[in-house]
Amino acid sequence: MTITNEQRPLKLGILGGTFDPPHKSHVELCRYASDSLGLDGIVVVPTGSHPFKSGETDKSDRYNMAMLAFDGMKGYSVSDIEIAREGMSYTIDTLTELSRIWPGVEFYFIIGSDILREAHLWRDFLAVSKLTRFICCPRAGDSREMILLTAEKLSRNFYSKIIVLDTLMPEGLSSTQARKGIMEYRDELDEKVWEYINQKGLYGQRNQ
């Protein structure tokens, strides 16, 4: 991705996740966050080996599906920065490397309110907070008051800069649902992603 703007610091959104599989709600979330904050671009970062999860689809397949899901979207890029990394993937390592790639850029890490509650458990979260702002998208069922209280606590304890959006985070296909049976969620997948799933026989599907 090439981004140039001499008038102000560049604002680059980051959406990380397993993308197992990527679905239309991921795309909607990026668009809403980008439009709300006037971001100059979005970097989608599929997780390599997640420190809090196990049993994901092979990382190369998840990366390929993310490439297909965001294909052709202007200002969007899918990075293999974590896929190519050996060992566990930690946000601090990713942000440190992205800061070297794009010095002077303002990073905005896009997360749901469920992730916000767990953020203090991340490795070197204080250092993470120095490298990025956070865009928090409320999930259905999460009290906005509690989200704001969590954001205030993180701001107080870790100097985190957190922007809580007004609109609920789009609810879509989860990895758990995919593993149980993806056919009923086909409409939530980009056609190119669906074709890839069939070709590779992912989630128990082939030539459906």
N, C-alpha and C. Protein backbone atom coordinates (compact mmCIF):
# COMPACT_ATOMS: atom_id res chain seq x y z
N MET A 1 0.84 -1.19 0.00
CA MET A 1 0.00 0.00 0.00
C MET A 1 0.88 1.25 0.00
N THR A 2 0.58 2.18 -0.89
CA THR A 2 1.30 3.44 -0.93
C THR A 2 0.35 4.55 -0.51
N ILE A 3 0.71 5.29 0.53
CA ILE A 3 -0.15 6.36 1.04
C ILE A 3 0.67 7.64 1.11
N THR A 4 0.18 8.70 0.51
CA THR A 4 0.88 9.97 0.57
C THR A 4 -0.10 11.08 0.92
N ASN A 5 0.29 11.93 1.83
CA ASN A 5 -0.52 13.07 2.25
C ASN A 5 0.39 13.99 3.04
N GLU A 6 0.68 15.16 2.50
CA GLU A 6 1.64 16.06 3.13
C GLU A 6 0.99 17.05 4.08
N GLN A 7 -0.36 17.08 4.15
CA GLN A 7 -1.04 18.10 4.91
C GLN A 7 -1.21 17.73 6.38
N ARG A 8 -1.24 16.47 6.75
CA ARG A 8 -1.47 16.04 8.13
C ARG A 8 -0.92 14.64 8.32
N PRO A 9 -0.78 14.20 9.56
CA PRO A 9 -0.33 12.82 9.77
C PRO A 9 -1.31 11.83 9.14
N LEU A 10 -0.79 10.81 8.53
CA LEU A 10 -1.63 9.80 7.92
C LEU A 10 -2.32 8.97 8.99
N LYS A 11 -3.56 8.62 8.74
CA LYS A 11 -4.36 7.83 9.68
C LYS A 11 -4.65 6.48 9.04
N LEU A 12 -4.09 5.44 9.65
CA LEU A 12 -4.18 4.11 9.08
C LEU A 12 -4.85 3.17 10.06
N GLY A 13 -5.97 2.56 9.65
CA GLY A 13 -6.67 1.60 10.48
C GLY A 13 -6.06 0.22 10.36
N ILE A 14 -6.11 -0.54 11.44
CA ILE A 14 -5.62 -1.91 11.45
C ILE A 14 -6.73 -2.82 11.96
N LEU A 15 -7.06 -3.84 11.20
CA LEU A 15 -8.02 -4.84 11.64
C LEU A 15 -7.32 -6.18 11.69
N GLY A 16 -7.12 -6.69 12.89
CA GLY A 16 -6.52 -7.99 13.05
C GLY A 16 -7.58 -9.03 13.35
N GLY A 17 -7.25 -10.28 13.18
CA GLY A 17 -8.19 -11.35 13.48
C GLY A 17 -7.78 -12.65 12.83
N THR A 18 -8.45 -13.71 13.21
CA THR A 18 -8.14 -15.00 12.59
C THR A 18 -8.69 -15.09 11.17
N PHE A 19 -9.82 -14.40 10.90
CA PHE A 19 -10.46 -14.44 9.59
C PHE A 19 -10.66 -15.90 9.16
N ASP A 20 -11.43 -16.60 10.00
CA ASP A 20 -11.59 -18.04 9.86
C ASP A 20 -13.06 -18.45 9.77
N PRO A 21 -13.75 -18.06 8.68
CA PRO A 21 -13.29 -17.34 7.49
C PRO A 21 -13.61 -15.85 7.59
N PRO A 22 -13.06 -15.03 6.68
CA PRO A 22 -13.48 -13.63 6.60
C PRO A 22 -14.88 -13.55 6.01
N HIS A 23 -15.70 -12.63 6.53
CA HIS A 23 -17.07 -12.52 6.03
C HIS A 23 -17.43 -11.06 5.81
N LYS A 24 -18.63 -10.86 5.29
CA LYS A 24 -19.03 -9.51 4.87
C LYS A 24 -19.06 -8.52 6.03
N SER A 25 -19.30 -9.00 7.25
CA SER A 25 -19.33 -8.10 8.39
C SER A 25 -17.96 -7.51 8.69
N HIS A 26 -16.89 -8.26 8.37
CA HIS A 26 -15.54 -7.72 8.52
C HIS A 26 -15.38 -6.50 7.61
N VAL A 27 -15.86 -6.64 6.39
CA VAL A 27 -15.75 -5.54 5.42
C VAL A 27 -16.59 -4.35 5.87
N GLU A 28 -17.81 -4.61 6.33
CA GLU A 28 -18.69 -3.53 6.79
C GLU A 28 -18.08 -2.79 7.97
N LEU A 29 -17.48 -3.53 8.88
CA LEU A 29 -16.85 -2.92 10.05
C LEU A 29 -15.73 -1.99 9.62
N CYS A 30 -14.89 -2.43 8.70
CA CYS A 30 -13.79 -1.58 8.21
C CYS A 30 -14.31 -0.31 7.56
N ARG A 31 -15.35 -0.46 6.74
CA ARG A 31 -15.90 0.70 6.05
C ARG A 31 -16.46 1.71 7.05
N TYR A 32 -17.18 1.21 8.04
CA TYR A 32 -17.80 2.11 9.02
C TYR A 32 -16.73 2.83 9.84
N ALA A 33 -15.73 2.08 10.30
CA ALA A 33 -14.66 2.70 11.08
C ALA A 33 -13.90 3.72 10.26
N SER A 34 -13.63 3.38 9.01
CA SER A 34 -12.89 4.28 8.13
C SER A 34 -13.67 5.56 7.85
N ASP A 35 -14.95 5.41 7.55
CA ASP A 35 -15.79 6.58 7.27
C ASP A 35 -15.95 7.45 8.51
N SER A 36 -16.09 6.83 9.68
CA SER A 36 -16.33 7.57 10.91
C SER A 36 -15.12 8.41 11.32
N LEU A 37 -13.92 7.89 11.08
CA LEU A 37 -12.70 8.57 11.53
C LEU A 37 -11.93 9.23 10.40
N GLY A 38 -12.40 9.09 9.17
CA GLY A 38 -11.69 9.67 8.04
C GLY A 38 -10.32 9.07 7.85
N LEU A 39 -10.25 7.73 7.93
CA LEU A 39 -8.96 7.05 7.79
C LEU A 39 -8.49 7.10 6.34
N ASP A 40 -7.17 7.08 6.17
CA ASP A 40 -6.58 7.11 4.83
C ASP A 40 -6.46 5.71 4.23
N GLY A 41 -6.55 4.69 5.05
CA GLY A 41 -6.44 3.33 4.55
C GLY A 41 -6.66 2.35 5.68
N ILE A 42 -6.79 1.09 5.31
CA ILE A 42 -6.98 0.00 6.26
C ILE A 42 -6.00 -1.12 5.93
N VAL A 43 -5.32 -1.62 6.95
CA VAL A 43 -4.47 -2.80 6.80
C VAL A 43 -5.14 -3.95 7.54
N VAL A 44 -5.45 -5.01 6.82
CA VAL A 44 -6.05 -6.21 7.40
C VAL A 44 -4.92 -7.18 7.72
N VAL A 45 -4.87 -7.64 8.98
CA VAL A 45 -3.75 -8.47 9.44
C VAL A 45 -4.26 -9.81 9.97
N PRO A 46 -4.28 -10.83 9.12
CA PRO A 46 -4.65 -12.16 9.62
C PRO A 46 -3.62 -12.65 10.65
N THR A 47 -4.12 -13.22 11.74
CA THR A 47 -3.26 -13.71 12.80
C THR A 47 -2.52 -14.96 12.36
N GLY A 48 -1.27 -15.07 12.80
CA GLY A 48 -0.50 -16.29 12.56
C GLY A 48 -0.91 -17.34 13.57
N SER A 49 -0.15 -17.44 14.67
CA SER A 49 -0.50 -18.34 15.77
C SER A 49 -1.00 -17.48 16.92
N HIS A 50 -2.27 -17.63 17.26
CA HIS A 50 -2.92 -16.78 18.25
C HIS A 50 -2.61 -17.27 19.66
N PRO A 51 -2.17 -16.35 20.56
CA PRO A 51 -1.83 -16.78 21.92
C PRO A 51 -3.03 -17.21 22.75
N PHE A 52 -4.26 -16.81 22.35
CA PHE A 52 -5.45 -17.12 23.14
C PHE A 52 -6.39 -18.10 22.44
N LYS A 53 -6.01 -18.60 21.26
CA LYS A 53 -6.88 -19.50 20.53
C LYS A 53 -6.07 -20.66 19.96
N SER A 54 -6.77 -21.73 19.63
CA SER A 54 -6.13 -22.87 18.98
C SER A 54 -7.13 -23.53 18.05
N GLY A 55 -6.62 -24.35 17.14
CA GLY A 55 -7.51 -25.09 16.24
C GLY A 55 -7.98 -24.31 15.04
N GLU A 56 -7.30 -23.20 14.69
CA GLU A 56 -7.72 -22.43 13.53
C GLU A 56 -7.39 -23.17 12.24
N THR A 57 -8.07 -22.76 11.17
CA THR A 57 -7.72 -23.21 9.84
C THR A 57 -6.29 -22.79 9.53
N ASP A 58 -5.60 -23.54 8.67
CA ASP A 58 -4.21 -23.23 8.34
C ASP A 58 -4.06 -21.75 7.98
N LYS A 59 -2.98 -21.15 8.48
CA LYS A 59 -2.81 -19.70 8.33
C LYS A 59 -2.70 -19.26 6.87
N SER A 60 -2.14 -20.10 6.01
CA SER A 60 -2.04 -19.73 4.60
C SER A 60 -3.42 -19.65 3.97
N ASP A 61 -4.33 -20.54 4.36
CA ASP A 61 -5.70 -20.49 3.84
C ASP A 61 -6.43 -19.26 4.36
N ARG A 62 -6.24 -18.93 5.62
CA ARG A 62 -6.91 -17.75 6.18
C ARG A 62 -6.40 -16.48 5.51
N TYR A 63 -5.11 -16.43 5.24
CA TYR A 63 -4.54 -15.28 4.53
C TYR A 63 -5.11 -15.17 3.12
N ASN A 64 -5.15 -16.29 2.41
CA ASN A 64 -5.69 -16.28 1.04
C ASN A 64 -7.15 -15.85 1.01
N MET A 65 -7.94 -16.33 1.99
CA MET A 65 -9.34 -15.94 2.04
C MET A 65 -9.50 -14.45 2.33
N ALA A 66 -8.65 -13.91 3.20
CA ALA A 66 -8.70 -12.46 3.49
C ALA A 66 -8.35 -11.66 2.24
N MET A 67 -7.37 -12.12 1.49
CA MET A 67 -7.01 -11.45 0.24
C MET A 67 -8.21 -11.40 -0.71
N LEU A 68 -8.95 -12.50 -0.78
CA LEU A 68 -10.12 -12.55 -1.66
C LEU A 68 -11.25 -11.66 -1.14
N ALA A 69 -11.45 -11.65 0.18
CA ALA A 69 -12.55 -10.88 0.76
C ALA A 69 -12.39 -9.39 0.55
N PHE A 70 -11.14 -8.90 0.56
CA PHE A 70 -10.88 -7.46 0.45
C PHE A 70 -10.32 -7.09 -0.92
N ASP A 71 -10.36 -8.02 -1.85
CA ASP A 71 -9.81 -7.79 -3.18
C ASP A 71 -10.49 -6.62 -3.88
N GLY A 72 -9.69 -5.74 -4.45
CA GLY A 72 -10.21 -4.64 -5.25
C GLY A 72 -10.71 -3.45 -4.48
N MET A 73 -10.59 -3.45 -3.15
CA MET A 73 -11.09 -2.34 -2.35
C MET A 73 -9.99 -1.27 -2.23
N LYS A 74 -10.25 -0.09 -2.73
CA LYS A 74 -9.27 0.99 -2.76
C LYS A 74 -8.87 1.40 -1.35
N GLY A 75 -7.57 1.47 -1.12
CA GLY A 75 -7.06 1.90 0.18
C GLY A 75 -6.93 0.77 1.18
N TYR A 76 -7.29 -0.45 0.78
CA TYR A 76 -7.21 -1.61 1.67
C TYR A 76 -6.03 -2.49 1.28
N SER A 77 -5.38 -3.05 2.27
CA SER A 77 -4.27 -3.95 2.04
C SER A 77 -4.34 -5.09 3.04
N VAL A 78 -4.02 -6.30 2.60
CA VAL A 78 -3.94 -7.46 3.49
C VAL A 78 -2.46 -7.77 3.70
N SER A 79 -2.04 -7.78 4.95
CA SER A 79 -0.63 -7.97 5.28
C SER A 79 -0.36 -9.39 5.77
N ASP A 80 0.79 -9.94 5.36
CA ASP A 80 1.21 -11.26 5.85
C ASP A 80 2.21 -11.13 6.99
N ILE A 81 2.25 -9.97 7.63
CA ILE A 81 3.24 -9.68 8.65
C ILE A 81 3.21 -10.69 9.80
N GLU A 82 2.01 -11.17 10.16
CA GLU A 82 1.91 -12.16 11.23
C GLU A 82 1.94 -13.58 10.68
N ILE A 83 1.38 -13.77 9.50
CA ILE A 83 1.38 -15.09 8.87
C ILE A 83 2.82 -15.56 8.65
N ALA A 84 3.70 -14.64 8.27
CA ALA A 84 5.09 -15.00 7.97
C ALA A 84 5.94 -15.13 9.24
N ARG A 85 5.44 -14.68 10.35
CA ARG A 85 6.22 -14.69 11.59
C ARG A 85 6.21 -16.07 12.23
N GLU A 86 7.35 -16.50 12.70
CA GLU A 86 7.44 -17.78 13.41
C GLU A 86 6.95 -17.60 14.85
N GLY A 87 6.34 -18.63 15.39
CA GLY A 87 5.89 -18.57 16.78
C GLY A 87 4.59 -17.81 16.93
N MET A 88 4.28 -17.44 18.17
CA MET A 88 3.04 -16.74 18.49
C MET A 88 3.01 -15.33 17.91
N SER A 89 1.81 -14.86 17.60
CA SER A 89 1.62 -13.51 17.09
C SER A 89 1.17 -12.60 18.22
N TYR A 90 1.93 -11.54 18.45
CA TYR A 90 1.58 -10.56 19.48
C TYR A 90 1.43 -9.19 18.84
N THR A 91 0.41 -8.47 19.28
CA THR A 91 0.11 -7.15 18.71
C THR A 91 1.29 -6.20 18.85
N ILE A 92 2.00 -6.26 19.96
CA ILE A 92 3.13 -5.35 20.16
C ILE A 92 4.18 -5.54 19.08
N ASP A 93 4.44 -6.79 18.69
CA ASP A 93 5.43 -7.05 17.64
C ASP A 93 4.96 -6.50 16.29
N THR A 94 3.67 -6.69 16.02
CA THR A 94 3.11 -6.22 14.75
C THR A 94 3.14 -4.70 14.67
N LEU A 95 2.72 -4.03 15.73
CA LEU A 95 2.71 -2.57 15.72
C LEU A 95 4.12 -1.99 15.65
N THR A 96 5.05 -2.62 16.33
CA THR A 96 6.45 -2.17 16.27
C THR A 96 6.97 -2.24 14.85
N GLU A 97 6.67 -3.34 14.17
CA GLU A 97 7.14 -3.50 12.79
C GLU A 97 6.43 -2.54 11.84
N LEU A 98 5.11 -2.37 12.01
CA LEU A 98 4.39 -1.43 11.16
C LEU A 98 4.86 0.00 11.36
N SER A 99 5.25 0.33 12.58
CA SER A 99 5.77 1.67 12.87
C SER A 99 7.09 1.92 12.14
N ARG A 100 7.86 0.86 11.95
CA ARG A 100 9.11 1.00 11.19
C ARG A 100 8.81 1.14 9.69
N ILE A 101 7.79 0.41 9.23
CA ILE A 101 7.43 0.47 7.81
C ILE A 101 6.85 1.84 7.46
N TRP A 102 5.97 2.36 8.34
CA TRP A 102 5.31 3.65 8.09
C TRP A 102 5.59 4.62 9.24
N PRO A 103 6.78 5.15 9.32
CA PRO A 103 7.09 6.09 10.42
C PRO A 103 6.22 7.34 10.33
N GLY A 104 5.76 7.81 11.47
CA GLY A 104 4.96 9.03 11.50
C GLY A 104 3.48 8.83 11.27
N VAL A 105 3.07 7.61 10.96
CA VAL A 105 1.65 7.33 10.72
C VAL A 105 0.91 7.19 12.05
N GLU A 106 -0.33 7.68 12.11
CA GLU A 106 -1.19 7.46 13.27
C GLU A 106 -1.97 6.17 13.04
N PHE A 107 -1.76 5.20 13.91
CA PHE A 107 -2.43 3.92 13.78
C PHE A 107 -3.70 3.88 14.64
N TYR A 108 -4.73 3.26 14.09
CA TYR A 108 -6.01 3.09 14.77
C TYR A 108 -6.37 1.61 14.72
N PHE A 109 -6.26 0.95 15.86
CA PHE A 109 -6.51 -0.49 15.94
C PHE A 109 -7.99 -0.72 16.18
N ILE A 110 -8.64 -1.43 15.25
CA ILE A 110 -10.08 -1.63 15.29
C ILE A 110 -10.40 -2.89 16.09
N ILE A 111 -11.21 -2.75 17.14
CA ILE A 111 -11.57 -3.89 17.98
C ILE A 111 -13.05 -3.81 18.35
N GLY A 112 -13.61 -4.95 18.74
CA GLY A 112 -14.96 -4.99 19.28
C GLY A 112 -14.91 -4.78 20.79
N SER A 113 -16.06 -4.49 21.38
CA SER A 113 -16.09 -4.24 22.83
C SER A 113 -15.74 -5.49 23.63
N ASP A 114 -15.93 -6.68 23.03
CA ASP A 114 -15.52 -7.90 23.71
C ASP A 114 -14.00 -7.98 23.85
N ILE A 115 -13.30 -7.54 22.81
CA ILE A 115 -11.84 -7.52 22.85
C ILE A 115 -11.33 -6.43 23.78
N LEU A 116 -12.06 -5.32 23.85
CA LEU A 116 -11.66 -4.22 24.74
C LEU A 116 -11.55 -4.71 26.18
N ARG A 117 -12.46 -5.58 26.58
CA ARG A 117 -12.44 -6.08 27.96
C ARG A 117 -11.20 -6.92 28.25
N GLU A 118 -10.61 -7.52 27.21
CA GLU A 118 -9.46 -8.40 27.39
C GLU A 118 -8.13 -7.72 27.07
N ALA A 119 -8.19 -6.49 26.59
CA ALA A 119 -6.99 -5.84 26.07
C ALA A 119 -5.87 -5.73 27.10
N HIS A 120 -6.23 -5.54 28.35
CA HIS A 120 -5.19 -5.37 29.38
C HIS A 120 -4.36 -6.64 29.56
N LEU A 121 -4.82 -7.78 29.01
CA LEU A 121 -4.09 -9.04 29.11
C LEU A 121 -3.06 -9.20 27.99
N TRP A 122 -3.09 -8.31 27.00
CA TRP A 122 -2.15 -8.41 25.90
C TRP A 122 -0.73 -8.22 26.39
N ARG A 123 0.21 -8.83 25.70
CA ARG A 123 1.62 -8.65 26.04
C ARG A 123 2.00 -7.17 25.86
N ASP A 124 2.66 -6.62 26.88
CA ASP A 124 3.16 -5.24 26.84
C ASP A 124 2.08 -4.24 26.40
N PHE A 125 0.92 -4.35 27.04
CA PHE A 125 -0.19 -3.51 26.60
C PHE A 125 0.11 -2.01 26.77
N LEU A 126 0.91 -1.66 27.76
CA LEU A 126 1.30 -0.26 27.93
C LEU A 126 2.06 0.22 26.69
N ALA A 127 2.97 -0.61 26.19
CA ALA A 127 3.72 -0.25 24.98
C ALA A 127 2.81 -0.22 23.76
N VAL A 128 1.84 -1.15 23.72
CA VAL A 128 0.87 -1.16 22.62
C VAL A 128 0.12 0.17 22.59
N SER A 129 -0.30 0.64 23.75
CA SER A 129 -1.08 1.87 23.85
C SER A 129 -0.29 3.10 23.40
N LYS A 130 1.02 3.02 23.46
CA LYS A 130 1.85 4.13 23.00
C LYS A 130 1.97 4.17 21.48
N LEU A 131 1.70 3.02 20.85
CA LEU A 131 1.90 2.91 19.41
C LEU A 131 0.62 3.07 18.59
N THR A 132 -0.54 2.99 19.25
CA THR A 132 -1.79 3.05 18.49
C THR A 132 -2.91 3.66 19.31
N ARG A 133 -3.87 4.22 18.61
CA ARG A 133 -5.17 4.53 19.19
C ARG A 133 -6.07 3.33 18.93
N PHE A 134 -7.19 3.27 19.62
CA PHE A 134 -8.13 2.17 19.43
C PHE A 134 -9.47 2.71 18.96
N ILE A 135 -10.06 2.01 18.01
CA ILE A 135 -11.44 2.25 17.61
C ILE A 135 -12.25 1.08 18.13
N CYS A 136 -13.14 1.33 19.08
CA CYS A 136 -13.94 0.28 19.68
C CYS A 136 -15.35 0.30 19.12
N CYS A 137 -15.77 -0.83 18.56
CA CYS A 137 -17.11 -0.97 18.01
C CYS A 137 -17.96 -1.80 18.98
N PRO A 138 -19.01 -1.23 19.56
CA PRO A 138 -19.84 -1.96 20.52
C PRO A 138 -20.48 -3.19 19.90
N ARG A 139 -20.52 -4.26 20.65
CA ARG A 139 -21.23 -5.47 20.24
C ARG A 139 -22.62 -5.47 20.85
N ALA A 140 -23.56 -6.08 20.15
CA ALA A 140 -24.92 -6.20 20.65
C ALA A 140 -24.89 -6.89 22.01
N GLY A 141 -25.63 -6.34 22.96
CA GLY A 141 -25.69 -6.92 24.29
C GLY A 141 -24.71 -6.30 25.27
N ASP A 142 -23.73 -5.56 24.78
CA ASP A 142 -22.77 -4.89 25.66
C ASP A 142 -23.29 -3.50 26.01
N SER A 143 -23.34 -3.21 27.29
CA SER A 143 -23.80 -1.92 27.76
C SER A 143 -22.81 -0.83 27.37
N ARG A 144 -23.32 0.24 26.74
CA ARG A 144 -22.43 1.34 26.36
C ARG A 144 -21.78 1.95 27.60
N GLU A 145 -22.53 2.02 28.68
CA GLU A 145 -21.97 2.56 29.92
C GLU A 145 -20.77 1.74 30.38
N MET A 146 -20.88 0.40 30.32
CA MET A 146 -19.77 -0.45 30.73
C MET A 146 -18.59 -0.34 29.77
N ILE A 147 -18.89 -0.18 28.48
CA ILE A 147 -17.81 0.00 27.50
C ILE A 147 -17.02 1.26 27.81
N LEU A 148 -17.74 2.34 28.08
CA LEU A 148 -17.08 3.61 28.39
C LEU A 148 -16.29 3.53 29.69
N LEU A 149 -16.82 2.79 30.67
CA LEU A 149 -16.09 2.61 31.92
C LEU A 149 -14.80 1.82 31.70
N THR A 150 -14.89 0.78 30.87
CA THR A 150 -13.70 0.00 30.54
C THR A 150 -12.67 0.86 29.82
N ALA A 151 -13.15 1.65 28.87
CA ALA A 151 -12.25 2.54 28.13
C ALA A 151 -11.58 3.55 29.05
N GLU A 152 -12.36 4.08 30.00
CA GLU A 152 -11.81 5.05 30.94
C GLU A 152 -10.75 4.40 31.83
N LYS A 153 -10.98 3.17 32.24
CA LYS A 153 -10.02 2.46 33.09
C LYS A 153 -8.72 2.19 32.35
N LEU A 154 -8.84 1.77 31.10
CA LEU A 154 -7.64 1.53 30.30
C LEU A 154 -6.89 2.82 30.04
N SER A 155 -7.63 3.89 29.82
CA SER A 155 -7.00 5.20 29.62
C SER A 155 -6.25 5.64 30.86
N ARG A 156 -6.84 5.39 32.02
CA ARG A 156 -6.21 5.80 33.28
C ARG A 156 -4.99 4.94 33.61
N ASN A 157 -5.11 3.63 33.39
CA ASN A 157 -4.04 2.72 33.81
C ASN A 157 -2.94 2.53 32.77
N PHE A 158 -3.30 2.67 31.47
CA PHE A 158 -2.33 2.41 30.42
C PHE A 158 -2.18 3.58 29.44
N TYR A 159 -2.83 4.70 29.74
CA TYR A 159 -2.78 5.89 28.87
C TYR A 159 -3.31 5.57 27.47
N SER A 160 -4.23 4.64 27.39
CA SER A 160 -4.80 4.25 26.10
C SER A 160 -5.70 5.36 25.56
N LYS A 161 -5.66 5.56 24.25
CA LYS A 161 -6.54 6.50 23.56
C LYS A 161 -7.60 5.67 22.83
N ILE A 162 -8.84 5.74 23.30
CA ILE A 162 -9.89 4.87 22.80
C ILE A 162 -11.07 5.68 22.29
N ILE A 163 -11.48 5.43 21.07
CA ILE A 163 -12.64 6.06 20.47
C ILE A 163 -13.74 5.00 20.39
N VAL A 164 -14.86 5.26 21.07
CA VAL A 164 -15.98 4.32 21.06
C VAL A 164 -17.01 4.80 20.04
N LEU A 165 -17.25 3.99 19.02
CA LEU A 165 -18.20 4.36 17.98
C LEU A 165 -19.64 4.22 18.47
N ASP A 166 -20.54 4.89 17.80
CA ASP A 166 -21.95 4.88 18.21
C ASP A 166 -22.70 3.65 17.71
N THR A 167 -22.37 3.22 16.50
CA THR A 167 -23.11 2.14 15.87
C THR A 167 -22.60 0.78 16.33
N LEU A 168 -23.51 -0.18 16.50
CA LEU A 168 -23.14 -1.53 16.92
C LEU A 168 -22.25 -2.18 15.87
N MET A 169 -21.33 -3.00 16.35
CA MET A 169 -20.48 -3.79 15.48
C MET A 169 -21.35 -4.78 14.71
N PRO A 170 -21.17 -4.89 13.38
CA PRO A 170 -21.96 -5.86 12.62
C PRO A 170 -21.73 -7.27 13.15
N GLU A 171 -22.82 -7.99 13.36
CA GLU A 171 -22.69 -9.37 13.83
C GLU A 171 -22.72 -10.30 12.62
N GLY A 172 -21.77 -11.18 12.56
CA GLY A 172 -21.70 -12.08 11.41
C GLY A 172 -21.27 -13.47 11.80
N LEU A 173 -20.74 -14.15 10.85
CA LEU A 173 -20.33 -15.52 11.02
C LEU A 173 -19.15 -15.63 11.99
N SER A 174 -19.23 -16.56 12.91
CA SER A 174 -18.11 -16.81 13.82
C SER A 174 -17.39 -18.07 13.40
N SER A 175 -16.15 -18.21 13.86
CA SER A 175 -15.38 -19.41 13.54
C SER A 175 -16.09 -20.65 14.05
N THR A 176 -16.70 -20.54 15.23
CA THR A 176 -17.41 -21.68 15.80
C THR A 176 -18.54 -22.11 14.89
N GLN A 177 -19.31 -21.15 14.37
CA GLN A 177 -20.39 -21.47 13.45
C GLN A 177 -19.87 -22.14 12.19
N ALA A 178 -18.72 -21.63 11.70
CA ALA A 178 -18.15 -22.17 10.47
C ALA A 178 -17.78 -23.63 10.65
N ARG A 179 -17.21 -23.94 11.78
CA ARG A 179 -16.77 -25.31 12.00
C ARG A 179 -17.95 -26.27 12.18
N LYS A 180 -19.08 -25.76 12.67
CA LYS A 180 -20.25 -26.61 12.85
C LYS A 180 -20.97 -26.88 11.53
N GLY A 181 -20.85 -25.96 10.60
CA GLY A 181 -21.53 -26.14 9.31
C GLY A 181 -21.76 -24.80 8.66
N ILE A 182 -21.08 -24.55 7.55
CA ILE A 182 -21.05 -23.22 6.98
C ILE A 182 -22.15 -22.96 5.95
N MET A 183 -22.83 -24.00 5.48
CA MET A 183 -23.79 -23.84 4.40
C MET A 183 -24.84 -22.78 4.68
N GLU A 184 -25.37 -22.76 5.90
CA GLU A 184 -26.45 -21.82 6.20
C GLU A 184 -25.97 -20.38 6.27
N TYR A 185 -24.66 -20.16 6.27
CA TYR A 185 -24.11 -18.81 6.35
C TYR A 185 -23.48 -18.37 5.03
N ARG A 186 -23.79 -19.09 3.98
CA ARG A 186 -23.16 -18.82 2.69
C ARG A 186 -23.36 -17.37 2.24
N ASP A 187 -24.53 -16.81 2.51
CA ASP A 187 -24.81 -15.45 2.07
C ASP A 187 -23.92 -14.41 2.75
N GLU A 188 -23.29 -14.78 3.86
CA GLU A 188 -22.42 -13.84 4.57
C GLU A 188 -21.00 -13.85 4.03
N LEU A 189 -20.74 -14.68 3.02
CA LEU A 189 -19.39 -14.81 2.47
C LEU A 189 -19.33 -14.24 1.06
N ASP A 190 -18.22 -13.59 0.76
CA ASP A 190 -17.96 -13.17 -0.61
C ASP A 190 -17.91 -14.41 -1.50
N GLU A 191 -18.40 -14.29 -2.71
CA GLU A 191 -18.46 -15.45 -3.60
C GLU A 191 -17.08 -16.05 -3.84
N LYS A 192 -16.06 -15.20 -3.93
CA LYS A 192 -14.70 -15.70 -4.16
C LYS A 192 -14.20 -16.49 -2.95
N VAL A 193 -14.59 -16.05 -1.75
CA VAL A 193 -14.22 -16.77 -0.54
C VAL A 193 -14.93 -18.13 -0.51
N TRP A 194 -16.21 -18.13 -0.88
CA TRP A 194 -16.98 -19.37 -0.90
C TRP A 194 -16.37 -20.37 -1.88
N GLU A 195 -15.96 -19.90 -3.05
CA GLU A 195 -15.35 -20.79 -4.04
C GLU A 195 -14.05 -21.37 -3.50
N TYR A 196 -13.28 -20.55 -2.80
CA TYR A 196 -12.02 -21.02 -2.23
C TYR A 196 -12.27 -22.11 -1.18
N ILE A 197 -13.28 -21.88 -0.34
CA ILE A 197 -13.63 -22.86 0.69
C ILE A 197 -13.98 -24.20 0.05
N ASN A 198 -14.75 -24.17 -1.03
CA ASN A 198 -15.12 -25.40 -1.72
C ASN A 198 -13.93 -26.08 -2.36
N GLN A 199 -13.09 -25.28 -3.02
CA GLN A 199 -11.93 -25.86 -3.69
C GLN A 199 -10.99 -26.54 -2.71
N LYS A 200 -10.83 -25.95 -1.54
CA LYS A 200 -9.90 -26.48 -0.54
C LYS A 200 -10.56 -27.48 0.42
N GLY A 201 -11.87 -27.60 0.35
CA GLY A 201 -12.57 -28.50 1.24
C GLY A 201 -12.54 -28.06 2.69
N LEU A 202 -12.56 -26.73 2.92
CA LEU A 202 -12.50 -26.20 4.28
C LEU A 202 -13.86 -26.33 4.97
N TYR A 203 -13.86 -26.45 6.28
CA TYR A 203 -15.08 -26.52 7.08
C TYR A 203 -16.01 -27.67 6.65
N GLY A 204 -15.40 -28.70 6.07
CA GLY A 204 -16.18 -29.86 5.66
C GLY A 204 -16.93 -29.70 4.37
N GLN A 205 -16.64 -28.63 3.60
CA GLN A 205 -17.37 -28.38 2.36
C GLN A 205 -16.51 -28.71 1.15
N ARG A 206 -17.13 -29.20 0.11
CA ARG A 206 -16.45 -29.39 -1.17
C ARG A 206 -17.48 -29.53 -2.27
N ASN A 207 -17.31 -28.66 -3.29
CA ASN A 207 -18.17 -28.71 -4.47
C ASN A 207 -19.66 -28.67 -4.11
N GLN A 208 -20.00 -27.74 -3.21
CA GLN A 208 -21.41 -27.60 -2.81
C GLN A 208 -22.09 -26.60 -3.75
